[in-house]
């Protein structure tokens, strides 16, 4: 069964591996803002669909993720959420 939460507020998503993300709802406004992201706009016209999808997903994640738990550096210290941190998290195969 799919359960749809129509709440306008951020929701927590458990990704496994002890990682949770708090995400804004994926609204039309969020998707439009992501399309206007400089990284998305800078894509070459002949970029592959896979490249476009990866760049768009990263831009969307940087806008949608507002908090996280279970994300740390090499020494095990908790990392504050940041655009670079989100990109690093997405580079991990079990997460993305």
Foldseek 3Di string as FASTA:
>chain_A
DDDDDPDQAWDWDDLPPFKIFTWGPPDPVLLVVLCVDPQLVPDDPPDDPVVNVVSSVLSSCQVTTDAMPDDDDPVRHDDGDDSVSSVVQVVDVSRD
